[in-house]
Amino acid sequence: MDLCHLIYQSKSLVPFETSELVDLLRRSRAYNRAHGITGILLYTADGRFLQVLEGLRDEVRQLYHDRILQDPRHCGWQVLSEGPSPHRLFATWSMGFRTAQAADMRTLLGYVAPADLTLRIPRPHTPPELTALLLDFVSRHATAPHLEDSLLPGRNGAAGQR
């Protein structure tokens, strides 16, 4: 089995309303279930996305290149990590969802505050560091029930297999 992950960030051109997020999640979960893809989507009120996709390499790449990159509602895509995975981190979620704050994104992405003179250049987290931070974030933050994947037992709990 060619299991892989792809983690990317992007920015929406216009912040999504709740109804738009619900529709995005509904459509994405249906697609992901049909294609064996799991993962999680984080979204901030100012329109930033951070998403983890997991599945067979060809399915994940096709989703990212043929659907996500073609979506005119967002831009500024940046792949943070891509590669083989020994197992799924979000195995029970066709697409988990969490809202995040700007400070959460800075922590997840390895942002260094300009006032911190000991580090001159921000260093992004390594893939293992980033996935550990994501798992910790997910375990500590619940989401609104209407945005959660309704087919999951133990909603708002652990992300899946580790």
N, C-alpha and C. Protein backbone atom coordinates (compact mmCIF):
# COMPACT_ATOMS: atom_id res chain seq x y z
N MET A 1 0.85 -1.19 0.00
CA MET A 1 0.00 0.00 0.00
C MET A 1 0.89 1.24 0.00
N ASP A 2 0.52 2.22 -0.80
CA ASP A 2 1.27 3.45 -0.98
C ASP A 2 0.64 4.59 -0.17
N LEU A 3 0.56 4.43 1.14
CA LEU A 3 -0.07 5.44 2.00
C LEU A 3 0.83 6.66 2.11
N CYS A 4 0.22 7.84 1.94
CA CYS A 4 1.00 9.08 2.06
C CYS A 4 0.17 10.16 2.75
N HIS A 5 0.84 11.25 3.05
CA HIS A 5 0.17 12.43 3.60
C HIS A 5 0.60 13.64 2.78
N LEU A 6 -0.22 14.67 2.83
CA LEU A 6 0.10 15.97 2.25
C LEU A 6 -0.49 17.01 3.19
N ILE A 7 0.35 17.91 3.65
CA ILE A 7 -0.09 19.00 4.54
C ILE A 7 0.18 20.30 3.80
N TYR A 8 -0.84 21.13 3.70
CA TYR A 8 -0.67 22.42 3.01
C TYR A 8 -1.39 23.51 3.77
N GLN A 9 -1.02 24.75 3.44
CA GLN A 9 -1.73 25.92 3.93
C GLN A 9 -2.14 26.76 2.73
N SER A 10 -3.20 27.53 2.91
CA SER A 10 -3.63 28.46 1.87
C SER A 10 -4.44 29.57 2.53
N LYS A 11 -4.86 30.52 1.72
CA LYS A 11 -5.62 31.67 2.21
C LYS A 11 -6.85 31.82 1.34
N SER A 12 -8.02 31.96 1.97
CA SER A 12 -9.23 32.20 1.19
C SER A 12 -9.23 33.65 0.72
N LEU A 13 -9.81 33.87 -0.46
CA LEU A 13 -9.86 35.22 -0.99
C LEU A 13 -10.85 36.09 -0.22
N VAL A 14 -11.89 35.45 0.29
CA VAL A 14 -12.89 36.11 1.12
C VAL A 14 -13.20 35.16 2.27
N PRO A 15 -13.20 35.63 3.52
CA PRO A 15 -13.50 34.71 4.62
C PRO A 15 -14.82 33.97 4.41
N PHE A 16 -14.84 32.68 4.75
CA PHE A 16 -16.02 31.84 4.58
C PHE A 16 -17.02 32.10 5.69
N GLU A 17 -18.29 32.18 5.33
CA GLU A 17 -19.38 32.21 6.30
C GLU A 17 -19.59 30.79 6.80
N THR A 18 -20.28 30.62 7.92
CA THR A 18 -20.53 29.30 8.48
C THR A 18 -21.23 28.39 7.47
N SER A 19 -22.22 28.93 6.77
CA SER A 19 -22.95 28.11 5.79
C SER A 19 -22.02 27.61 4.68
N GLU A 20 -21.07 28.43 4.28
CA GLU A 20 -20.12 28.02 3.25
C GLU A 20 -19.18 26.94 3.76
N LEU A 21 -18.77 27.06 5.02
CA LEU A 21 -17.93 26.02 5.62
C LEU A 21 -18.68 24.69 5.73
N VAL A 22 -19.94 24.77 6.14
CA VAL A 22 -20.75 23.55 6.25
C VAL A 22 -20.86 22.88 4.88
N ASP A 23 -21.11 23.66 3.84
CA ASP A 23 -21.21 23.10 2.49
C ASP A 23 -19.87 22.52 2.02
N LEU A 24 -18.78 23.23 2.27
CA LEU A 24 -17.45 22.74 1.91
C LEU A 24 -17.16 21.42 2.60
N LEU A 25 -17.46 21.33 3.89
CA LEU A 25 -17.20 20.11 4.64
C LEU A 25 -18.09 18.96 4.15
N ARG A 26 -19.35 19.24 3.88
CA ARG A 26 -20.27 18.19 3.40
C ARG A 26 -19.77 17.60 2.08
N ARG A 27 -19.43 18.46 1.14
CA ARG A 27 -18.95 18.00 -0.17
C ARG A 27 -17.61 17.27 -0.05
N SER A 28 -16.72 17.84 0.73
CA SER A 28 -15.38 17.26 0.87
C SER A 28 -15.43 15.90 1.56
N ARG A 29 -16.27 15.77 2.56
CA ARG A 29 -16.38 14.49 3.26
C ARG A 29 -16.93 13.41 2.33
N ALA A 30 -17.90 13.76 1.51
CA ALA A 30 -18.45 12.78 0.56
C ALA A 30 -17.36 12.36 -0.43
N TYR A 31 -16.63 13.31 -0.97
CA TYR A 31 -15.55 12.99 -1.91
C TYR A 31 -14.49 12.12 -1.22
N ASN A 32 -14.08 12.53 -0.03
CA ASN A 32 -13.02 11.80 0.67
C ASN A 32 -13.43 10.37 1.00
N ARG A 33 -14.68 10.18 1.43
CA ARG A 33 -15.15 8.81 1.71
C ARG A 33 -15.09 7.95 0.45
N ALA A 34 -15.50 8.52 -0.67
CA ALA A 34 -15.51 7.77 -1.93
C ALA A 34 -14.10 7.44 -2.43
N HIS A 35 -13.10 8.20 -1.98
CA HIS A 35 -11.73 8.02 -2.48
C HIS A 35 -10.75 7.56 -1.40
N GLY A 36 -11.26 7.17 -0.23
CA GLY A 36 -10.39 6.64 0.82
C GLY A 36 -9.43 7.65 1.41
N ILE A 37 -9.85 8.90 1.47
CA ILE A 37 -9.00 9.97 2.01
C ILE A 37 -9.49 10.36 3.39
N THR A 38 -8.55 10.56 4.30
CA THR A 38 -8.86 11.03 5.65
C THR A 38 -8.03 12.29 5.91
N GLY A 39 -8.32 12.95 7.03
CA GLY A 39 -7.53 14.13 7.38
C GLY A 39 -8.30 15.11 8.23
N ILE A 40 -7.77 16.31 8.26
CA ILE A 40 -8.37 17.38 9.06
C ILE A 40 -8.14 18.72 8.36
N LEU A 41 -9.08 19.63 8.58
CA LEU A 41 -9.00 20.98 8.05
C LEU A 41 -9.08 21.95 9.22
N LEU A 42 -8.13 22.87 9.30
CA LEU A 42 -8.17 23.95 10.27
C LEU A 42 -8.46 25.23 9.51
N TYR A 43 -9.26 26.11 10.12
CA TYR A 43 -9.66 27.36 9.47
C TYR A 43 -9.67 28.48 10.49
N THR A 44 -9.15 29.64 10.10
CA THR A 44 -9.16 30.81 10.97
C THR A 44 -10.18 31.82 10.47
N ALA A 45 -10.64 32.68 11.37
CA ALA A 45 -11.65 33.68 11.01
C ALA A 45 -11.15 34.63 9.93
N ASP A 46 -9.84 34.81 9.82
CA ASP A 46 -9.32 35.69 8.77
C ASP A 46 -9.09 34.94 7.44
N GLY A 47 -9.54 33.69 7.36
CA GLY A 47 -9.54 32.98 6.10
C GLY A 47 -8.33 32.13 5.79
N ARG A 48 -7.60 31.70 6.79
CA ARG A 48 -6.45 30.83 6.54
C ARG A 48 -6.84 29.37 6.74
N PHE A 49 -6.32 28.52 5.85
CA PHE A 49 -6.54 27.08 5.93
C PHE A 49 -5.23 26.36 6.20
N LEU A 50 -5.32 25.30 6.96
CA LEU A 50 -4.23 24.34 7.12
C LEU A 50 -4.91 22.98 7.05
N GLN A 51 -4.47 22.15 6.12
CA GLN A 51 -5.15 20.87 5.93
C GLN A 51 -4.15 19.73 5.84
N VAL A 52 -4.55 18.61 6.45
CA VAL A 52 -3.82 17.35 6.33
C VAL A 52 -4.68 16.41 5.51
N LEU A 53 -4.10 15.85 4.46
CA LEU A 53 -4.76 14.83 3.63
C LEU A 53 -3.97 13.54 3.77
N GLU A 54 -4.67 12.42 3.93
CA GLU A 54 -4.03 11.11 4.05
C GLU A 54 -4.75 10.12 3.16
N GLY A 55 -4.00 9.25 2.54
CA GLY A 55 -4.60 8.23 1.69
C GLY A 55 -3.57 7.66 0.74
N LEU A 56 -4.07 6.96 -0.27
CA LEU A 56 -3.17 6.44 -1.30
C LEU A 56 -2.57 7.62 -2.06
N ARG A 57 -1.31 7.51 -2.38
CA ARG A 57 -0.57 8.62 -2.98
C ARG A 57 -1.28 9.23 -4.19
N ASP A 58 -1.72 8.39 -5.11
CA ASP A 58 -2.36 8.92 -6.32
C ASP A 58 -3.67 9.64 -6.00
N GLU A 59 -4.44 9.12 -5.06
CA GLU A 59 -5.71 9.77 -4.68
C GLU A 59 -5.46 11.12 -4.02
N VAL A 60 -4.48 11.18 -3.11
CA VAL A 60 -4.18 12.43 -2.41
C VAL A 60 -3.66 13.47 -3.40
N ARG A 61 -2.76 13.07 -4.26
CA ARG A 61 -2.22 14.02 -5.24
C ARG A 61 -3.29 14.50 -6.21
N GLN A 62 -4.15 13.60 -6.64
CA GLN A 62 -5.23 14.01 -7.55
C GLN A 62 -6.16 15.01 -6.87
N LEU A 63 -6.53 14.76 -5.62
CA LEU A 63 -7.37 15.69 -4.88
C LEU A 63 -6.69 17.06 -4.78
N TYR A 64 -5.43 17.08 -4.39
CA TYR A 64 -4.73 18.35 -4.20
C TYR A 64 -4.57 19.10 -5.52
N HIS A 65 -4.09 18.42 -6.55
CA HIS A 65 -3.78 19.10 -7.82
C HIS A 65 -5.02 19.39 -8.66
N ASP A 66 -5.98 18.46 -8.69
CA ASP A 66 -7.12 18.63 -9.58
C ASP A 66 -8.31 19.34 -8.95
N ARG A 67 -8.39 19.36 -7.65
CA ARG A 67 -9.55 19.99 -7.01
C ARG A 67 -9.15 21.18 -6.15
N ILE A 68 -8.23 20.98 -5.22
CA ILE A 68 -7.89 22.05 -4.28
C ILE A 68 -7.20 23.20 -4.99
N LEU A 69 -6.17 22.91 -5.78
CA LEU A 69 -5.46 23.99 -6.49
C LEU A 69 -6.32 24.68 -7.53
N GLN A 70 -7.39 24.03 -7.95
CA GLN A 70 -8.28 24.61 -8.97
C GLN A 70 -9.43 25.40 -8.35
N ASP A 71 -9.55 25.36 -7.04
CA ASP A 71 -10.65 26.05 -6.35
C ASP A 71 -10.38 27.56 -6.37
N PRO A 72 -11.21 28.34 -7.04
CA PRO A 72 -10.96 29.78 -7.16
C PRO A 72 -11.22 30.57 -5.88
N ARG A 73 -11.68 29.92 -4.82
CA ARG A 73 -12.00 30.64 -3.59
C ARG A 73 -10.78 30.88 -2.71
N HIS A 74 -9.64 30.25 -3.03
CA HIS A 74 -8.46 30.52 -2.22
C HIS A 74 -7.19 30.51 -3.06
N CYS A 75 -6.11 30.99 -2.44
CA CYS A 75 -4.85 31.17 -3.16
C CYS A 75 -3.69 31.00 -2.17
N GLY A 76 -2.49 31.20 -2.63
CA GLY A 76 -1.33 31.17 -1.75
C GLY A 76 -1.03 29.81 -1.18
N TRP A 77 -1.27 28.77 -1.96
CA TRP A 77 -1.05 27.41 -1.48
C TRP A 77 0.44 27.18 -1.21
N GLN A 78 0.72 26.49 -0.14
CA GLN A 78 2.09 26.11 0.18
C GLN A 78 2.06 24.72 0.80
N VAL A 79 2.74 23.78 0.15
CA VAL A 79 2.85 22.43 0.71
C VAL A 79 3.89 22.48 1.82
N LEU A 80 3.48 22.08 3.01
CA LEU A 80 4.37 22.08 4.17
C LEU A 80 5.06 20.74 4.36
N SER A 81 4.39 19.68 3.96
CA SER A 81 4.95 18.34 4.09
C SER A 81 4.21 17.41 3.15
N GLU A 82 4.95 16.53 2.50
CA GLU A 82 4.36 15.52 1.64
C GLU A 82 5.28 14.32 1.64
N GLY A 83 4.70 13.14 1.78
CA GLY A 83 5.54 11.95 1.74
C GLY A 83 4.83 10.72 2.25
N PRO A 84 5.56 9.61 2.28
CA PRO A 84 4.96 8.35 2.74
C PRO A 84 4.61 8.41 4.22
N SER A 85 3.60 7.65 4.59
CA SER A 85 3.16 7.57 5.99
C SER A 85 3.04 6.10 6.39
N PRO A 86 3.54 5.75 7.56
CA PRO A 86 3.38 4.36 8.02
C PRO A 86 1.94 4.03 8.40
N HIS A 87 1.16 5.06 8.81
CA HIS A 87 -0.24 4.88 9.18
C HIS A 87 -0.93 6.25 9.12
N ARG A 88 -2.24 6.21 9.20
CA ARG A 88 -3.04 7.45 9.19
C ARG A 88 -3.10 8.03 10.59
N LEU A 89 -2.94 9.33 10.68
CA LEU A 89 -3.08 10.02 11.97
C LEU A 89 -4.53 10.34 12.26
N PHE A 90 -5.33 10.52 11.22
CA PHE A 90 -6.74 10.91 11.36
C PHE A 90 -7.62 9.86 10.69
N ALA A 91 -7.37 8.61 11.04
CA ALA A 91 -7.97 7.46 10.35
C ALA A 91 -9.49 7.42 10.40
N THR A 92 -10.09 7.99 11.43
CA THR A 92 -11.55 7.89 11.55
C THR A 92 -12.28 9.10 10.99
N TRP A 93 -11.57 10.05 10.42
CA TRP A 93 -12.19 11.26 9.93
C TRP A 93 -12.08 11.37 8.41
N SER A 94 -13.22 11.43 7.71
CA SER A 94 -13.18 11.73 6.29
C SER A 94 -12.69 13.16 6.10
N MET A 95 -13.02 14.02 7.03
CA MET A 95 -12.38 15.32 7.18
C MET A 95 -12.81 15.90 8.51
N GLY A 96 -11.89 15.83 9.46
CA GLY A 96 -12.14 16.50 10.73
C GLY A 96 -12.06 18.00 10.50
N PHE A 97 -12.54 18.76 11.45
CA PHE A 97 -12.53 20.21 11.29
C PHE A 97 -12.33 20.87 12.65
N ARG A 98 -11.52 21.90 12.66
CA ARG A 98 -11.34 22.73 13.83
C ARG A 98 -11.17 24.17 13.39
N THR A 99 -11.71 25.09 14.18
CA THR A 99 -11.39 26.50 13.97
C THR A 99 -10.12 26.78 14.76
N ALA A 100 -9.34 27.69 14.26
CA ALA A 100 -8.08 28.05 14.91
C ALA A 100 -7.97 29.56 14.98
N GLN A 101 -7.16 30.02 15.87
CA GLN A 101 -6.86 31.45 16.00
C GLN A 101 -5.55 31.73 15.26
N ALA A 102 -5.29 32.99 14.98
CA ALA A 102 -4.04 33.36 14.30
C ALA A 102 -2.83 32.87 15.10
N ALA A 103 -2.90 32.97 16.42
CA ALA A 103 -1.78 32.52 17.26
C ALA A 103 -1.56 31.01 17.15
N ASP A 104 -2.66 30.25 17.01
CA ASP A 104 -2.53 28.81 16.81
C ASP A 104 -1.78 28.51 15.52
N MET A 105 -2.13 29.21 14.46
CA MET A 105 -1.47 29.00 13.17
C MET A 105 0.01 29.35 13.25
N ARG A 106 0.32 30.44 13.94
CA ARG A 106 1.73 30.81 14.08
C ARG A 106 2.50 29.70 14.80
N THR A 107 1.91 29.13 15.84
CA THR A 107 2.55 28.03 16.56
C THR A 107 2.72 26.82 15.65
N LEU A 108 1.67 26.45 14.94
CA LEU A 108 1.73 25.28 14.08
C LEU A 108 2.71 25.45 12.93
N LEU A 109 2.83 26.65 12.41
CA LEU A 109 3.68 26.88 11.24
C LEU A 109 5.12 27.26 11.59
N GLY A 110 5.42 27.41 12.88
CA GLY A 110 6.80 27.70 13.28
C GLY A 110 7.17 29.16 13.16
N TYR A 111 6.21 30.04 13.32
CA TYR A 111 6.44 31.48 13.22
C TYR A 111 7.28 31.96 14.40
N VAL A 112 8.23 32.83 14.13
CA VAL A 112 9.05 33.44 15.18
C VAL A 112 8.71 34.93 15.23
N ALA A 113 8.34 35.41 16.40
CA ALA A 113 7.99 36.82 16.54
C ALA A 113 9.19 37.71 16.24
N PRO A 114 8.98 38.84 15.55
CA PRO A 114 10.09 39.73 15.21
C PRO A 114 10.86 40.22 16.43
N ALA A 115 10.23 40.29 17.59
CA ALA A 115 10.89 40.75 18.80
C ALA A 115 11.88 39.72 19.35
N ASP A 116 11.80 38.49 18.88
CA ASP A 116 12.70 37.44 19.36
C ASP A 116 14.01 37.53 18.56
N LEU A 117 14.99 38.23 19.12
CA LEU A 117 16.23 38.48 18.40
C LEU A 117 17.19 37.30 18.42
N THR A 118 16.88 36.27 19.19
CA THR A 118 17.77 35.12 19.22
C THR A 118 17.65 34.27 17.96
N LEU A 119 16.52 34.38 17.28
CA LEU A 119 16.31 33.65 16.03
C LEU A 119 16.08 34.66 14.92
N ARG A 120 16.93 34.68 13.94
CA ARG A 120 16.83 35.68 12.89
C ARG A 120 15.89 35.27 11.75
N ILE A 121 15.74 33.96 11.52
CA ILE A 121 14.90 33.49 10.42
C ILE A 121 13.92 32.47 10.98
N PRO A 122 12.63 32.63 10.68
CA PRO A 122 11.68 31.62 11.14
C PRO A 122 12.04 30.24 10.58
N ARG A 123 11.95 29.24 11.42
CA ARG A 123 12.22 27.88 10.99
C ARG A 123 10.94 27.09 11.03
N PRO A 124 10.48 26.60 9.88
CA PRO A 124 9.28 25.78 9.91
C PRO A 124 9.55 24.48 10.66
N HIS A 125 8.51 23.93 11.21
CA HIS A 125 8.64 22.67 11.91
C HIS A 125 8.93 21.54 10.94
N THR A 126 9.64 20.54 11.41
CA THR A 126 9.83 19.34 10.61
C THR A 126 8.49 18.61 10.54
N PRO A 127 8.28 17.74 9.55
CA PRO A 127 7.00 17.01 9.47
C PRO A 127 6.61 16.31 10.78
N PRO A 128 7.53 15.61 11.47
CA PRO A 128 7.11 14.99 12.73
C PRO A 128 6.71 16.01 13.80
N GLU A 129 7.41 17.14 13.85
CA GLU A 129 7.04 18.19 14.81
C GLU A 129 5.66 18.75 14.49
N LEU A 130 5.42 19.02 13.21
CA LEU A 130 4.15 19.59 12.80
C LEU A 130 3.00 18.62 13.08
N THR A 131 3.16 17.35 12.77
CA THR A 131 2.07 16.40 13.04
C THR A 131 1.84 16.25 14.53
N ALA A 132 2.88 16.28 15.34
CA ALA A 132 2.70 16.21 16.79
C ALA A 132 1.95 17.43 17.29
N LEU A 133 2.28 18.61 16.79
CA LEU A 133 1.57 19.83 17.17
C LEU A 133 0.11 19.79 16.72
N LEU A 134 -0.14 19.28 15.52
CA LEU A 134 -1.52 19.16 15.02
C LEU A 134 -2.33 18.21 15.89
N LEU A 135 -1.77 17.06 16.22
CA LEU A 135 -2.48 16.11 17.07
C LEU A 135 -2.80 16.72 18.44
N ASP A 136 -1.85 17.44 18.99
CA ASP A 136 -2.07 18.11 20.27
C ASP A 136 -3.16 19.17 20.15
N PHE A 137 -3.10 19.98 19.09
CA PHE A 137 -4.11 21.02 18.88
C PHE A 137 -5.49 20.40 18.78
N VAL A 138 -5.62 19.35 17.96
CA VAL A 138 -6.92 18.70 17.76
C VAL A 138 -7.45 18.12 19.06
N SER A 139 -6.59 17.52 19.85
CA SER A 139 -7.06 16.90 21.10
C SER A 139 -7.53 17.93 22.12
N ARG A 140 -7.03 19.15 22.01
CA ARG A 140 -7.39 20.19 22.98
C ARG A 140 -8.52 21.12 22.52
N HIS A 141 -8.91 21.06 21.25
CA HIS A 141 -9.90 22.00 20.72
C HIS A 141 -11.09 21.26 20.12
N ALA A 142 -12.24 21.55 20.63
CA ALA A 142 -13.49 20.99 20.10
C ALA A 142 -13.98 21.90 18.99
N THR A 143 -14.89 21.39 18.20
CA THR A 143 -15.52 22.20 17.18
C THR A 143 -17.03 22.14 17.36
N ALA A 144 -17.72 23.03 16.72
CA ALA A 144 -19.18 23.05 16.80
C ALA A 144 -19.74 21.75 16.23
N PRO A 145 -20.72 21.13 16.89
CA PRO A 145 -21.26 19.85 16.43
C PRO A 145 -21.73 19.87 14.98
N HIS A 146 -22.29 20.98 14.50
CA HIS A 146 -22.79 21.02 13.12
C HIS A 146 -21.65 21.06 12.10
N LEU A 147 -20.41 21.27 12.55
CA LEU A 147 -19.27 21.25 11.64
C LEU A 147 -18.47 19.95 11.74
N GLU A 148 -18.82 19.13 12.72
CA GLU A 148 -18.09 17.87 12.93
C GLU A 148 -18.62 16.79 12.01
N ASP A 149 -17.79 15.81 11.75
CA ASP A 149 -18.17 14.66 10.92
C ASP A 149 -19.15 13.83 11.73
N SER A 150 -20.41 13.84 11.36
CA SER A 150 -21.47 13.24 12.17
C SER A 150 -21.41 11.72 12.23
N LEU A 151 -20.61 11.09 11.39
CA LEU A 151 -20.53 9.64 11.40
C LEU A 151 -19.50 9.11 12.39
N LEU A 152 -18.82 10.00 13.07
CA LEU A 152 -17.73 9.56 13.93
C LEU A 152 -18.19 9.30 15.35
N PRO A 153 -17.78 8.15 15.91
CA PRO A 153 -17.99 7.97 17.34
C PRO A 153 -17.00 8.84 18.09
N GLY A 154 -17.35 9.30 19.25
CA GLY A 154 -16.43 10.06 20.08
C GLY A 154 -16.03 11.38 19.45
N ARG A 155 -16.97 12.09 18.87
CA ARG A 155 -16.66 13.38 18.27
C ARG A 155 -15.95 14.26 19.29
N ASN A 156 -15.11 15.16 18.76
CA ASN A 156 -14.36 16.11 19.57
C ASN A 156 -13.33 15.43 20.46
N GLY A 157 -13.02 14.20 20.17
CA GLY A 157 -12.04 13.48 20.98
C GLY A 157 -10.77 13.25 20.21
N ALA A 158 -10.14 12.12 20.47
CA ALA A 158 -8.86 11.79 19.84
C ALA A 158 -9.03 11.69 18.32
N ALA A 159 -7.95 11.94 17.63
CA ALA A 159 -8.00 12.03 16.18
C ALA A 159 -8.01 10.69 15.48
N GLY A 160 -7.64 9.66 16.08
CA GLY A 160 -7.61 8.37 15.39
C GLY A 160 -6.39 7.58 15.79
N GLN A 161 -5.92 6.74 14.90
CA GLN A 161 -4.76 5.93 15.20
C GLN A 161 -3.51 6.79 15.26
N ARG A 162 -2.63 6.43 16.16
CA ARG A 162 -1.37 7.17 16.26
C ARG A 162 -0.22 6.24 16.07
